[in-house]
């Protein structure tokens, strides 16, 4: 994949944050810990502009498929 990554910082929505902590079994205090500097991790958003797939099972010949988004 190629694309653009941007720092989200504290702009993460409540629903996205709640989904993240639920899916990854993280502490509900994660965001406040990040804001205070106790936790140095940051949230980033990745927006792809192209994707290259390799599917040797379903595509005969050249299994490389490039998608421009």
N, C-alpha and C. Protein backbone atom coordinates (compact mmCIF):
# COMPACT_ATOMS: atom_id res chain seq x y z
N UNK A 1 0.84 -1.18 0.00
CA UNK A 1 0.00 0.00 0.00
C UNK A 1 0.88 1.24 0.00
N UNK A 2 0.42 2.23 -0.69
CA UNK A 2 1.02 3.55 -0.59
C UNK A 2 -0.10 4.52 -0.26
N UNK A 3 0.25 5.61 0.39
CA UNK A 3 -0.76 6.58 0.74
C UNK A 3 -0.23 7.62 1.69
N UNK A 4 -1.12 8.22 2.44
CA UNK A 4 -0.78 9.31 3.34
C UNK A 4 -1.13 8.91 4.77
N UNK A 5 -0.17 9.12 5.67
CA UNK A 5 -0.41 8.90 7.10
C UNK A 5 -0.41 10.25 7.78
N UNK A 6 -1.40 10.48 8.63
CA UNK A 6 -1.45 11.74 9.35
C UNK A 6 -1.71 11.50 10.83
N UNK A 7 -1.07 12.30 11.65
CA UNK A 7 -1.24 12.21 13.09
C UNK A 7 -2.63 12.70 13.46
N UNK A 8 -3.36 11.88 14.21
CA UNK A 8 -4.70 12.27 14.64
C UNK A 8 -4.62 13.08 15.93
N UNK A 9 -3.75 12.69 16.84
CA UNK A 9 -3.62 13.41 18.10
C UNK A 9 -4.85 13.21 18.96
N UNK A 10 -5.32 14.27 19.55
CA UNK A 10 -6.49 14.18 20.44
C UNK A 10 -7.80 14.31 19.68
N UNK A 11 -7.77 14.37 18.36
CA UNK A 11 -8.98 14.55 17.56
C UNK A 11 -9.73 13.25 17.31
N UNK A 12 -9.34 12.16 17.94
CA UNK A 12 -10.00 10.88 17.71
C UNK A 12 -11.43 10.91 18.26
N UNK A 13 -12.36 10.40 17.49
CA UNK A 13 -13.76 10.42 17.93
C UNK A 13 -13.99 9.44 19.07
N UNK A 14 -15.00 9.70 19.87
CA UNK A 14 -15.31 8.81 21.00
C UNK A 14 -15.63 7.40 20.53
N UNK A 15 -16.42 7.29 19.44
CA UNK A 15 -16.79 5.95 18.98
C UNK A 15 -15.59 5.18 18.45
N UNK A 16 -14.68 5.86 17.74
CA UNK A 16 -13.47 5.19 17.24
C UNK A 16 -12.58 4.77 18.39
N UNK A 17 -12.44 5.63 19.39
CA UNK A 17 -11.61 5.30 20.54
C UNK A 17 -12.19 4.13 21.33
N UNK A 18 -13.48 4.17 21.57
CA UNK A 18 -14.13 3.07 22.31
C UNK A 18 -14.01 1.75 21.55
N UNK A 19 -14.15 1.80 20.23
CA UNK A 19 -13.98 0.60 19.42
C UNK A 19 -12.56 0.07 19.49
N UNK A 20 -11.58 0.97 19.48
CA UNK A 20 -10.18 0.57 19.56
C UNK A 20 -9.87 -0.11 20.89
N UNK A 21 -10.28 0.51 22.01
CA UNK A 21 -9.95 -0.09 23.31
C UNK A 21 -10.69 -1.40 23.52
N UNK A 22 -11.88 -1.52 22.95
CA UNK A 22 -12.63 -2.77 23.06
C UNK A 22 -11.98 -3.88 22.22
N UNK A 23 -11.65 -3.56 20.99
CA UNK A 23 -11.08 -4.55 20.08
C UNK A 23 -9.70 -5.02 20.54
N UNK A 24 -8.91 -4.11 21.07
CA UNK A 24 -7.53 -4.44 21.44
C UNK A 24 -7.34 -4.63 22.95
N UNK A 25 -8.44 -4.70 23.69
CA UNK A 25 -8.41 -4.94 25.13
C UNK A 25 -7.47 -3.96 25.85
N UNK A 26 -7.65 -2.67 25.58
CA UNK A 26 -6.83 -1.62 26.18
C UNK A 26 -7.57 -0.96 27.33
N UNK A 27 -6.83 -0.27 28.15
CA UNK A 27 -7.39 0.43 29.30
C UNK A 27 -8.23 1.63 28.85
N UNK A 28 -9.36 1.87 29.50
CA UNK A 28 -10.16 3.07 29.19
C UNK A 28 -9.40 4.36 29.48
N UNK A 29 -8.32 4.28 30.27
CA UNK A 29 -7.51 5.47 30.60
C UNK A 29 -6.47 5.78 29.53
N UNK A 30 -6.43 5.01 28.45
CA UNK A 30 -5.39 5.16 27.44
C UNK A 30 -5.33 6.58 26.89
N UNK A 31 -6.45 7.17 26.51
CA UNK A 31 -6.44 8.50 25.91
C UNK A 31 -5.94 9.55 26.89
N UNK A 32 -6.41 9.51 28.12
CA UNK A 32 -5.93 10.49 29.11
C UNK A 32 -4.45 10.28 29.40
N UNK A 33 -3.99 9.02 29.40
CA UNK A 33 -2.56 8.75 29.60
C UNK A 33 -1.73 9.28 28.43
N UNK A 34 -2.28 9.19 27.22
CA UNK A 34 -1.57 9.73 26.06
C UNK A 34 -1.53 11.25 26.12
N UNK A 35 -2.62 11.87 26.52
CA UNK A 35 -2.68 13.33 26.60
C UNK A 35 -1.73 13.87 27.67
N UNK A 36 -1.59 13.14 28.78
CA UNK A 36 -0.72 13.60 29.87
C UNK A 36 0.76 13.29 29.61
N UNK A 37 1.05 12.44 28.64
CA UNK A 37 2.42 12.06 28.36
C UNK A 37 2.85 10.79 29.07
N UNK A 38 1.97 10.24 29.90
CA UNK A 38 2.27 8.99 30.60
C UNK A 38 2.45 7.85 29.61
N UNK A 39 1.66 7.86 28.54
CA UNK A 39 1.77 6.87 27.46
C UNK A 39 2.22 7.62 26.21
N UNK A 40 3.40 7.27 25.63
CA UNK A 40 3.93 8.04 24.49
C UNK A 40 3.33 7.69 23.13
N UNK A 41 2.43 6.71 23.06
CA UNK A 41 1.85 6.30 21.78
C UNK A 41 0.96 7.39 21.20
N UNK A 42 0.79 7.36 19.88
CA UNK A 42 -0.05 8.32 19.17
C UNK A 42 -0.97 7.56 18.21
N UNK A 43 -2.07 8.17 17.83
CA UNK A 43 -2.98 7.61 16.84
C UNK A 43 -2.72 8.26 15.49
N UNK A 44 -2.68 7.44 14.45
CA UNK A 44 -2.49 7.91 13.09
C UNK A 44 -3.62 7.40 12.22
N UNK A 45 -3.93 8.15 11.18
CA UNK A 45 -4.91 7.73 10.19
C UNK A 45 -4.16 7.50 8.89
N UNK A 46 -4.36 6.32 8.29
CA UNK A 46 -3.72 6.01 7.01
C UNK A 46 -4.79 6.01 5.92
N UNK A 47 -4.56 6.81 4.87
CA UNK A 47 -5.46 6.87 3.72
C UNK A 47 -4.70 6.35 2.51
N UNK A 48 -5.02 5.13 2.04
CA UNK A 48 -4.28 4.57 0.91
C UNK A 48 -4.65 5.25 -0.41
N UNK A 49 -3.66 5.32 -1.32
CA UNK A 49 -3.97 5.79 -2.67
C UNK A 49 -3.72 4.70 -3.71
N UNK A 50 -2.99 3.64 -3.32
CA UNK A 50 -2.86 2.47 -4.19
C UNK A 50 -2.58 1.24 -3.35
N UNK A 51 -3.02 0.11 -3.87
CA UNK A 51 -2.86 -1.18 -3.18
C UNK A 51 -2.42 -2.20 -4.21
N UNK A 52 -1.45 -3.03 -3.86
CA UNK A 52 -1.02 -4.12 -4.72
C UNK A 52 -1.35 -5.42 -4.01
N UNK A 53 -2.10 -6.29 -4.70
CA UNK A 53 -2.50 -7.58 -4.14
C UNK A 53 -1.83 -8.70 -4.93
N UNK A 54 -1.50 -9.77 -4.25
CA UNK A 54 -0.97 -10.97 -4.89
C UNK A 54 -1.90 -12.12 -4.53
N UNK A 55 -2.51 -12.73 -5.53
CA UNK A 55 -3.46 -13.81 -5.30
C UNK A 55 -3.13 -14.99 -6.21
N UNK A 56 -2.22 -15.85 -5.73
CA UNK A 56 -1.80 -16.99 -6.55
C UNK A 56 -2.84 -18.10 -6.56
N UNK A 57 -3.78 -18.07 -5.64
CA UNK A 57 -4.80 -19.11 -5.58
C UNK A 57 -5.91 -18.88 -6.61
N UNK A 58 -6.35 -17.64 -6.77
CA UNK A 58 -7.51 -17.34 -7.61
C UNK A 58 -7.19 -16.70 -8.95
N UNK A 59 -5.95 -16.26 -9.17
CA UNK A 59 -5.61 -15.58 -10.42
C UNK A 59 -4.49 -16.36 -11.11
N UNK A 60 -4.77 -16.85 -12.29
CA UNK A 60 -3.76 -17.59 -13.06
C UNK A 60 -2.89 -16.60 -13.84
N UNK A 61 -1.69 -17.03 -14.16
CA UNK A 61 -0.79 -16.16 -14.92
C UNK A 61 -0.09 -15.21 -13.98
N UNK A 62 -0.37 -13.93 -14.13
CA UNK A 62 0.24 -12.90 -13.28
C UNK A 62 -0.68 -12.63 -12.08
N UNK A 63 -0.31 -13.10 -10.89
CA UNK A 63 -1.18 -12.93 -9.72
C UNK A 63 -1.16 -11.54 -9.11
N UNK A 64 -0.38 -10.63 -9.71
CA UNK A 64 -0.25 -9.27 -9.16
C UNK A 64 -1.37 -8.39 -9.69
N UNK A 65 -2.12 -7.78 -8.78
CA UNK A 65 -3.20 -6.87 -9.16
C UNK A 65 -2.96 -5.54 -8.45
N UNK A 66 -2.84 -4.47 -9.23
CA UNK A 66 -2.61 -3.15 -8.65
C UNK A 66 -3.89 -2.34 -8.76
N UNK A 67 -4.30 -1.76 -7.65
CA UNK A 67 -5.52 -0.95 -7.59
C UNK A 67 -5.16 0.48 -7.27
N UNK A 68 -5.57 1.41 -8.11
CA UNK A 68 -5.41 2.83 -7.83
C UNK A 68 -6.71 3.31 -7.17
N UNK A 69 -6.60 3.99 -6.07
CA UNK A 69 -7.79 4.45 -5.34
C UNK A 69 -8.03 5.92 -5.53
